[in-house]
């Protein structure tokens, strides 16, 4: 019997960046499998004004941000949560860092998925653990490979991509 792929519905509400949906879904599925999760993730991509409205409505922060994660369900449900991402922020930050915008966007997606799966980044220890997992998936490592080395940290302590 063929293995059933985790559902990864994508909604695109932005025009800043062409989304490579296959690559995005593959990345999400790799994170889910690597973390032992058995559900899917819903993704929504928007611009800064849209994510600012989401941030204000749901979290009470009247400012744009890069990514917001909403855990939605229990471990047996088909969709574990929703990750909303600002493609506009990804493009701007990637340009400032000299990296491809898609790589920055995938970092935001990975970060959001990890939050849905229970990772936190509110203190130094949990932030360091989360950053190691981000670097692991950004670099495209598969389960069982060492995450030694990792990526250099950029602003906000997130892994920074190479050229």
N, C-alpha and C. Protein backbone atom coordinates (compact mmCIF):
# COMPACT_ATOMS: atom_id res chain seq x y z
N UNK A 1 0.83 -1.18 0.00
CA UNK A 1 0.00 0.00 0.00
C UNK A 1 0.88 1.25 0.00
N UNK A 2 0.55 2.22 -0.83
CA UNK A 2 1.35 3.44 -0.95
C UNK A 2 1.17 4.30 0.30
N UNK A 3 2.27 4.95 0.68
CA UNK A 3 2.23 5.84 1.84
C UNK A 3 1.44 7.09 1.48
N UNK A 4 0.54 7.50 2.38
CA UNK A 4 -0.28 8.68 2.15
C UNK A 4 0.51 9.92 2.55
N UNK A 5 0.57 10.89 1.65
CA UNK A 5 1.29 12.13 1.93
C UNK A 5 0.47 13.03 2.85
N UNK A 6 1.17 13.72 3.74
CA UNK A 6 0.51 14.67 4.63
C UNK A 6 -0.12 15.79 3.80
N UNK A 7 -1.35 16.18 4.12
CA UNK A 7 -1.97 17.28 3.37
C UNK A 7 -1.26 18.61 3.69
N UNK A 8 -0.99 19.38 2.63
CA UNK A 8 -0.37 20.69 2.78
C UNK A 8 -1.08 21.67 1.84
N UNK A 9 -2.31 22.07 2.21
CA UNK A 9 -3.00 23.06 1.38
C UNK A 9 -2.29 24.41 1.45
N UNK A 10 -2.23 25.09 0.30
CA UNK A 10 -1.56 26.39 0.22
C UNK A 10 -2.53 27.43 -0.33
N UNK A 11 -2.62 28.55 0.38
CA UNK A 11 -3.39 29.70 -0.09
C UNK A 11 -2.40 30.84 -0.33
N UNK A 12 -2.47 31.44 -1.51
CA UNK A 12 -1.53 32.49 -1.88
C UNK A 12 -2.29 33.81 -2.04
N UNK A 13 -2.05 34.74 -1.10
CA UNK A 13 -2.73 36.04 -1.10
C UNK A 13 -1.74 37.17 -1.35
N UNK A 14 -0.68 36.91 -2.08
CA UNK A 14 0.36 37.91 -2.29
C UNK A 14 0.86 37.84 -3.73
N UNK A 15 1.54 38.91 -4.15
CA UNK A 15 2.10 38.98 -5.50
C UNK A 15 3.58 39.34 -5.48
N UNK A 16 4.22 39.21 -4.32
CA UNK A 16 5.62 39.60 -4.15
C UNK A 16 6.59 38.55 -4.66
N UNK A 17 6.18 37.30 -4.63
CA UNK A 17 7.09 36.20 -4.90
C UNK A 17 6.33 35.04 -5.51
N UNK A 18 6.88 34.49 -6.58
CA UNK A 18 6.29 33.29 -7.17
C UNK A 18 6.56 32.12 -6.24
N UNK A 19 5.50 31.44 -5.85
CA UNK A 19 5.65 30.31 -4.93
C UNK A 19 5.95 29.03 -5.71
N UNK A 20 6.93 28.30 -5.24
CA UNK A 20 7.24 26.98 -5.79
C UNK A 20 6.54 25.97 -4.89
N UNK A 21 5.26 25.74 -5.18
CA UNK A 21 4.40 24.95 -4.31
C UNK A 21 4.92 23.54 -4.06
N UNK A 22 5.46 22.91 -5.07
CA UNK A 22 5.97 21.55 -4.90
C UNK A 22 7.12 21.54 -3.90
N UNK A 23 8.04 22.47 -4.03
CA UNK A 23 9.18 22.55 -3.11
C UNK A 23 8.72 22.90 -1.69
N UNK A 24 7.75 23.79 -1.58
CA UNK A 24 7.23 24.18 -0.27
C UNK A 24 6.57 22.97 0.41
N UNK A 25 5.71 22.27 -0.34
CA UNK A 25 5.05 21.08 0.23
C UNK A 25 6.07 20.02 0.63
N UNK A 26 7.06 19.81 -0.21
CA UNK A 26 8.09 18.82 0.08
C UNK A 26 8.84 19.18 1.36
N UNK A 27 9.16 20.45 1.53
CA UNK A 27 9.86 20.90 2.74
C UNK A 27 9.00 20.67 3.96
N UNK A 28 7.73 21.04 3.90
CA UNK A 28 6.83 20.84 5.04
C UNK A 28 6.74 19.36 5.38
N UNK A 29 6.58 18.52 4.36
CA UNK A 29 6.47 17.08 4.61
C UNK A 29 7.76 16.51 5.20
N UNK A 30 8.90 17.05 4.78
CA UNK A 30 10.18 16.59 5.33
C UNK A 30 10.29 16.94 6.81
N UNK A 31 9.85 18.16 7.17
CA UNK A 31 9.86 18.56 8.58
C UNK A 31 8.90 17.68 9.39
N UNK A 32 7.70 17.51 8.88
CA UNK A 32 6.71 16.68 9.59
C UNK A 32 7.23 15.27 9.81
N UNK A 33 7.79 14.67 8.76
CA UNK A 33 8.32 13.30 8.87
C UNK A 33 9.51 13.27 9.83
N UNK A 34 10.39 14.25 9.71
CA UNK A 34 11.57 14.30 10.56
C UNK A 34 11.25 14.48 12.03
N UNK A 35 10.12 15.09 12.31
CA UNK A 35 9.70 15.32 13.69
C UNK A 35 8.70 14.27 14.16
N UNK A 36 8.39 13.30 13.30
CA UNK A 36 7.48 12.22 13.70
C UNK A 36 6.02 12.62 13.75
N UNK A 37 5.64 13.68 13.05
CA UNK A 37 4.25 14.15 13.06
C UNK A 37 3.44 13.40 12.01
N UNK A 38 2.18 13.17 12.32
CA UNK A 38 1.30 12.42 11.41
C UNK A 38 0.09 13.23 11.02
N UNK A 39 0.29 14.42 10.57
CA UNK A 39 -0.80 15.26 10.10
C UNK A 39 -0.25 16.25 9.10
N UNK A 40 -1.09 17.14 8.64
CA UNK A 40 -0.67 18.14 7.66
C UNK A 40 -0.63 19.53 8.25
N UNK A 41 -0.22 20.46 7.43
CA UNK A 41 -0.12 21.86 7.79
C UNK A 41 -0.76 22.67 6.68
N UNK A 42 -1.61 23.61 7.04
CA UNK A 42 -2.18 24.55 6.09
C UNK A 42 -1.28 25.78 6.04
N UNK A 43 -0.96 26.25 4.83
CA UNK A 43 -0.08 27.41 4.66
C UNK A 43 -0.84 28.54 3.98
N UNK A 44 -0.62 29.76 4.46
CA UNK A 44 -1.19 30.95 3.83
C UNK A 44 -0.07 31.96 3.67
N UNK A 45 0.11 32.44 2.44
CA UNK A 45 1.15 33.43 2.13
C UNK A 45 0.47 34.76 1.80
N UNK A 46 0.96 35.82 2.44
CA UNK A 46 0.41 37.15 2.20
C UNK A 46 1.51 38.19 2.16
N UNK A 47 1.09 39.45 2.09
CA UNK A 47 2.06 40.55 2.12
C UNK A 47 2.08 41.15 3.53
N UNK A 48 2.89 42.17 3.73
CA UNK A 48 3.04 42.75 5.07
C UNK A 48 1.74 43.33 5.62
N UNK A 49 0.95 44.00 4.78
CA UNK A 49 -0.30 44.59 5.30
C UNK A 49 -1.27 43.50 5.72
N UNK A 50 -1.30 42.41 4.98
CA UNK A 50 -2.20 41.31 5.33
C UNK A 50 -1.77 40.63 6.64
N UNK A 51 -0.48 40.32 6.77
CA UNK A 51 -0.03 39.64 8.00
C UNK A 51 -0.11 40.59 9.20
N UNK A 52 0.02 41.89 8.96
CA UNK A 52 -0.17 42.86 10.05
C UNK A 52 -1.59 42.77 10.58
N UNK A 53 -2.56 42.67 9.68
CA UNK A 53 -3.96 42.55 10.11
C UNK A 53 -4.18 41.25 10.88
N UNK A 54 -3.58 40.16 10.43
CA UNK A 54 -3.69 38.87 11.14
C UNK A 54 -3.06 39.00 12.52
N UNK A 55 -1.88 39.60 12.58
CA UNK A 55 -1.15 39.76 13.83
C UNK A 55 -1.97 40.62 14.82
N UNK A 56 -2.56 41.67 14.32
CA UNK A 56 -3.37 42.57 15.16
C UNK A 56 -4.63 41.86 15.65
N UNK A 57 -5.31 41.16 14.75
CA UNK A 57 -6.57 40.49 15.09
C UNK A 57 -6.38 39.36 16.09
N UNK A 58 -5.39 38.50 15.85
CA UNK A 58 -5.26 37.28 16.64
C UNK A 58 -4.27 37.38 17.80
N UNK A 59 -3.27 38.24 17.69
CA UNK A 59 -2.25 38.31 18.74
C UNK A 59 -2.17 39.67 19.42
N UNK A 60 -2.91 40.66 18.90
CA UNK A 60 -2.92 41.98 19.50
C UNK A 60 -1.67 42.81 19.24
N UNK A 61 -0.89 42.43 18.22
CA UNK A 61 0.33 43.16 17.86
C UNK A 61 0.07 43.91 16.55
N UNK A 62 0.07 45.22 16.61
CA UNK A 62 -0.23 46.02 15.42
C UNK A 62 1.03 46.30 14.61
N UNK A 63 1.59 45.24 14.06
CA UNK A 63 2.79 45.36 13.22
C UNK A 63 2.90 44.13 12.34
N UNK A 64 3.56 44.29 11.21
CA UNK A 64 3.80 43.10 10.38
C UNK A 64 4.84 42.21 11.05
N UNK A 65 4.88 40.97 10.66
CA UNK A 65 5.87 40.02 11.15
C UNK A 65 6.18 39.04 10.04
N UNK A 66 7.14 38.17 10.26
CA UNK A 66 7.52 37.24 9.20
C UNK A 66 6.61 36.02 9.13
N UNK A 67 6.28 35.45 10.28
CA UNK A 67 5.49 34.22 10.30
C UNK A 67 4.70 34.13 11.59
N UNK A 68 3.49 33.58 11.49
CA UNK A 68 2.65 33.32 12.66
C UNK A 68 2.16 31.88 12.53
N UNK A 69 2.23 31.15 13.62
CA UNK A 69 1.79 29.75 13.63
C UNK A 69 0.58 29.60 14.54
N UNK A 70 -0.40 28.85 14.05
CA UNK A 70 -1.61 28.58 14.81
C UNK A 70 -1.80 27.07 14.93
N UNK A 71 -1.43 26.48 16.05
CA UNK A 71 -1.76 25.06 16.25
C UNK A 71 -3.29 24.95 16.29
N UNK A 72 -3.83 24.00 15.53
CA UNK A 72 -5.29 23.93 15.40
C UNK A 72 -5.91 22.68 15.98
N UNK A 73 -5.16 21.62 16.10
CA UNK A 73 -5.80 20.35 16.37
C UNK A 73 -4.94 19.44 17.23
N UNK A 74 -5.51 18.32 17.56
CA UNK A 74 -4.79 17.30 18.29
C UNK A 74 -3.99 16.41 17.35
N UNK A 75 -3.21 15.52 17.91
CA UNK A 75 -2.30 14.69 17.10
C UNK A 75 -2.99 13.74 16.13
N UNK A 76 -4.26 13.46 16.33
CA UNK A 76 -4.97 12.54 15.42
C UNK A 76 -5.67 13.25 14.27
N UNK A 77 -5.75 14.57 14.32
CA UNK A 77 -6.45 15.32 13.29
C UNK A 77 -5.61 15.45 12.03
N UNK A 78 -6.24 15.52 10.86
CA UNK A 78 -5.47 15.58 9.61
C UNK A 78 -4.68 16.87 9.41
N UNK A 79 -5.17 17.99 9.91
CA UNK A 79 -4.45 19.26 9.83
C UNK A 79 -4.06 19.68 11.24
N UNK A 80 -2.74 19.75 11.47
CA UNK A 80 -2.23 20.05 12.81
C UNK A 80 -2.26 21.54 13.12
N UNK A 81 -2.18 22.37 12.08
CA UNK A 81 -2.16 23.80 12.32
C UNK A 81 -2.04 24.58 11.04
N UNK A 82 -2.06 25.89 11.19
CA UNK A 82 -1.93 26.78 10.05
C UNK A 82 -0.73 27.69 10.28
N UNK A 83 0.04 27.89 9.22
CA UNK A 83 1.20 28.77 9.26
C UNK A 83 0.95 29.88 8.25
N UNK A 84 1.00 31.13 8.72
CA UNK A 84 0.83 32.27 7.83
C UNK A 84 2.18 32.98 7.70
N UNK A 85 2.52 33.31 6.48
CA UNK A 85 3.87 33.81 6.16
C UNK A 85 3.77 35.08 5.33
N UNK A 86 4.62 36.05 5.65
CA UNK A 86 4.72 37.26 4.82
C UNK A 86 5.80 37.06 3.77
N UNK A 87 5.37 36.88 2.53
CA UNK A 87 6.32 36.76 1.42
C UNK A 87 7.04 38.09 1.21
N UNK A 88 6.37 39.19 1.48
CA UNK A 88 6.99 40.51 1.33
C UNK A 88 8.17 40.67 2.29
N UNK A 89 8.00 40.22 3.53
CA UNK A 89 9.10 40.27 4.49
C UNK A 89 10.24 39.36 4.03
N UNK A 90 9.90 38.19 3.52
CA UNK A 90 10.93 37.25 3.05
C UNK A 90 11.76 37.88 1.92
N UNK A 91 11.10 38.53 0.99
CA UNK A 91 11.81 39.17 -0.12
C UNK A 91 12.72 40.28 0.40
N UNK A 92 12.21 41.12 1.28
CA UNK A 92 12.99 42.23 1.83
C UNK A 92 14.19 41.72 2.64
N UNK A 93 13.97 40.76 3.52
CA UNK A 93 15.06 40.23 4.35
C UNK A 93 16.10 39.48 3.51
N UNK A 94 15.64 38.76 2.52
CA UNK A 94 16.57 38.03 1.64
C UNK A 94 17.47 39.00 0.88
N UNK A 95 16.87 40.06 0.39
CA UNK A 95 17.64 41.08 -0.33
C UNK A 95 18.69 41.68 0.60
N UNK A 96 18.32 41.99 1.83
CA UNK A 96 19.25 42.58 2.80
C UNK A 96 20.38 41.61 3.16
N UNK A 97 20.10 40.32 3.14
CA UNK A 97 21.09 39.31 3.51
C UNK A 97 21.86 38.75 2.32
N UNK A 98 21.42 39.08 1.12
CA UNK A 98 22.09 38.57 -0.07
C UNK A 98 21.86 37.09 -0.31
N UNK A 99 20.65 36.62 0.02
CA UNK A 99 20.31 35.21 -0.20
C UNK A 99 19.05 35.14 -1.06
N UNK A 100 18.76 33.98 -1.64
CA UNK A 100 17.53 33.85 -2.43
C UNK A 100 16.28 34.03 -1.57
N UNK A 101 15.30 34.72 -2.10
CA UNK A 101 14.06 34.97 -1.38
C UNK A 101 13.36 33.66 -1.04
N UNK A 102 13.43 32.69 -1.92
CA UNK A 102 12.77 31.41 -1.65
C UNK A 102 13.37 30.72 -0.43
N UNK A 103 14.67 30.84 -0.26
CA UNK A 103 15.32 30.24 0.92
C UNK A 103 14.82 30.90 2.21
N UNK A 104 14.69 32.21 2.20
CA UNK A 104 14.18 32.93 3.37
C UNK A 104 12.73 32.53 3.63
N UNK A 105 11.94 32.44 2.57
CA UNK A 105 10.54 32.03 2.70
C UNK A 105 10.45 30.63 3.31
N UNK A 106 11.28 29.70 2.83
CA UNK A 106 11.26 28.34 3.38
C UNK A 106 11.68 28.32 4.84
N UNK A 107 12.59 29.19 5.22
CA UNK A 107 12.97 29.30 6.63
C UNK A 107 11.75 29.68 7.47
N UNK A 108 10.97 30.65 7.00
CA UNK A 108 9.78 31.07 7.73
C UNK A 108 8.78 29.93 7.84
N UNK A 109 8.61 29.18 6.74
CA UNK A 109 7.70 28.04 6.74
C UNK A 109 8.16 27.01 7.77
N UNK A 110 9.44 26.66 7.73
CA UNK A 110 10.00 25.69 8.68
C UNK A 110 9.80 26.18 10.11
N UNK A 111 10.10 27.44 10.36
CA UNK A 111 9.94 28.01 11.69
C UNK A 111 8.49 27.86 12.17
N UNK A 112 7.55 28.20 11.31
CA UNK A 112 6.14 28.09 11.67
C UNK A 112 5.71 26.66 11.92
N UNK A 113 6.16 25.74 11.08
CA UNK A 113 5.81 24.33 11.27
C UNK A 113 6.36 23.83 12.61
N UNK A 114 7.58 24.19 12.92
CA UNK A 114 8.16 23.78 14.20
C UNK A 114 7.35 24.33 15.38
N UNK A 115 6.87 25.57 15.26
CA UNK A 115 6.01 26.12 16.32
C UNK A 115 4.73 25.30 16.45
N UNK A 116 4.10 24.97 15.33
CA UNK A 116 2.88 24.15 15.38
C UNK A 116 3.16 22.83 16.08
N UNK A 117 4.35 22.29 15.87
CA UNK A 117 4.72 21.00 16.46
C UNK A 117 5.18 21.11 17.91
N UNK A 118 5.13 22.32 18.47
CA UNK A 118 5.42 22.48 19.88
C UNK A 118 6.74 23.12 20.24
N UNK A 119 7.57 23.42 19.25
CA UNK A 119 8.84 24.10 19.56
C UNK A 119 8.55 25.53 19.99
N UNK A 120 9.33 26.01 20.92
CA UNK A 120 9.20 27.37 21.41
C UNK A 120 10.55 28.07 21.28
N UNK A 121 10.52 29.40 21.29
CA UNK A 121 11.76 30.16 21.18
C UNK A 121 11.76 31.35 22.13
N UNK A 122 11.08 31.19 23.26
CA UNK A 122 10.95 32.27 24.22
C UNK A 122 12.11 32.43 25.19
N UNK A 123 12.96 31.41 25.31
CA UNK A 123 14.13 31.53 26.17
C UNK A 123 15.34 31.01 25.40
N UNK A 124 16.53 31.30 25.91
CA UNK A 124 17.76 30.97 25.18
C UNK A 124 17.89 29.49 24.85
N UNK A 125 17.61 28.62 25.79
CA UNK A 125 17.75 27.18 25.56
C UNK A 125 16.78 26.67 24.49
N UNK A 126 15.51 27.03 24.61
CA UNK A 126 14.53 26.56 23.62
C UNK A 126 14.78 27.21 22.27
N UNK A 127 15.21 28.48 22.26
CA UNK A 127 15.53 29.15 21.00
C UNK A 127 16.69 28.46 20.30
N UNK A 128 17.72 28.09 21.05
CA UNK A 128 18.88 27.41 20.46
C UNK A 128 18.46 26.06 19.88
N UNK A 129 17.62 25.34 20.59
CA UNK A 129 17.13 24.04 20.09
C UNK A 129 16.34 24.23 18.79
N UNK A 130 15.47 25.23 18.77
CA UNK A 130 14.66 25.48 17.59
C UNK A 130 15.54 25.89 16.41
N UNK A 131 16.52 26.74 16.66
CA UNK A 131 17.42 27.19 15.58
C UNK A 131 18.21 26.02 14.98
N UNK A 132 18.62 25.07 15.84
CA UNK A 132 19.32 23.87 15.32
C UNK A 132 18.41 23.07 14.40
N UNK A 133 17.12 22.94 14.78
CA UNK A 133 16.17 22.20 13.94
C UNK A 133 15.92 22.96 12.64
N UNK A 134 15.80 24.28 12.71
CA UNK A 134 15.62 25.08 11.50
C UNK A 134 16.80 24.87 10.56
N UNK A 135 18.01 24.99 11.09
CA UNK A 135 19.21 24.82 10.27
C UNK A 135 19.24 23.43 9.64
N UNK A 136 18.85 22.44 10.40
CA UNK A 136 18.79 21.06 9.92
C UNK A 136 17.91 20.96 8.67
N UNK A 137 16.73 21.54 8.73
CA UNK A 137 15.79 21.44 7.61
C UNK A 137 16.10 22.43 6.50
N UNK A 138 16.60 23.61 6.81
CA UNK A 138 16.97 24.57 5.77
C UNK A 138 18.07 23.99 4.89
N UNK A 139 19.00 23.31 5.51
CA UNK A 139 20.10 22.70 4.76
C UNK A 139 19.67 21.44 4.02
N UNK A 140 18.43 21.01 4.21
CA UNK A 140 17.91 19.87 3.48
C UNK A 140 18.39 18.53 4.00
N UNK A 141 18.83 18.50 5.23
CA UNK A 141 19.30 17.24 5.79
C UNK A 141 18.13 16.31 6.03
N UNK A 142 18.40 15.04 5.93
CA UNK A 142 17.36 14.05 6.16
C UNK A 142 17.49 13.49 7.56
N UNK A 143 16.47 12.81 7.98
CA UNK A 143 16.46 12.22 9.32
C UNK A 143 17.67 11.31 9.51
N UNK A 144 18.30 11.42 10.66
CA UNK A 144 19.45 10.58 10.97
C UNK A 144 20.78 11.24 10.70
N UNK A 145 20.79 12.33 9.92
CA UNK A 145 22.04 13.03 9.67
C UNK A 145 22.33 13.97 10.82
N UNK A 146 23.58 14.21 11.05
CA UNK A 146 23.97 15.13 12.11
C UNK A 146 23.69 16.56 11.67
N UNK A 147 23.26 17.39 12.60
CA UNK A 147 23.01 18.80 12.32
C UNK A 147 24.22 19.64 12.74
N UNK A 148 25.37 19.01 12.80
CA UNK A 148 26.58 19.73 13.21
C UNK A 148 26.89 20.85 12.24
N UNK A 149 27.44 21.89 12.75
CA UNK A 149 27.81 23.03 11.91
C UNK A 149 26.68 24.01 11.80
N UNK A 150 25.63 23.64 11.10
CA UNK A 150 24.48 24.52 10.95
C UNK A 150 24.83 25.75 10.14
N UNK A 151 23.89 26.64 10.06
CA UNK A 151 24.07 27.87 9.31
C UNK A 151 24.44 29.00 10.26
N UNK A 152 25.08 30.03 9.71
CA UNK A 152 25.42 31.20 10.51
C UNK A 152 24.15 31.95 10.85
N UNK A 153 24.11 32.53 12.02
CA UNK A 153 22.92 33.25 12.45
C UNK A 153 22.86 34.62 11.79
N UNK A 154 21.68 34.97 11.36
CA UNK A 154 21.44 36.30 10.82
C UNK A 154 20.72 37.13 11.87
N UNK A 155 20.14 38.27 11.47
CA UNK A 155 19.39 39.07 12.42
C UNK A 155 18.27 38.23 13.03
N UNK A 156 17.88 38.49 14.21
CA UNK A 156 16.83 37.78 14.95
C UNK A 156 17.29 36.38 15.35
N UNK A 157 18.60 36.04 15.16
CA UNK A 157 19.11 34.74 15.58
C UNK A 157 18.72 33.60 14.69
N UNK A 158 18.09 33.87 13.55
CA UNK A 158 17.69 32.79 12.65
C UNK A 158 18.87 32.37 11.80
N UNK A 159 18.91 31.10 11.38
CA UNK A 159 20.01 30.67 10.52
C UNK A 159 20.06 31.50 9.26
N UNK A 160 21.23 31.77 8.83
CA UNK A 160 21.42 32.57 7.64
C UNK A 160 21.91 31.66 6.53
N UNK A 161 21.37 31.84 5.36
CA UNK A 161 21.74 30.99 4.24
C UNK A 161 23.03 31.41 3.59
N UNK A 162 23.66 30.46 2.92
CA UNK A 162 24.85 30.76 2.16
C UNK A 162 24.49 30.99 0.70
N UNK A 163 25.47 31.36 -0.08
CA UNK A 163 25.21 31.60 -1.51
C UNK A 163 25.41 30.34 -2.29
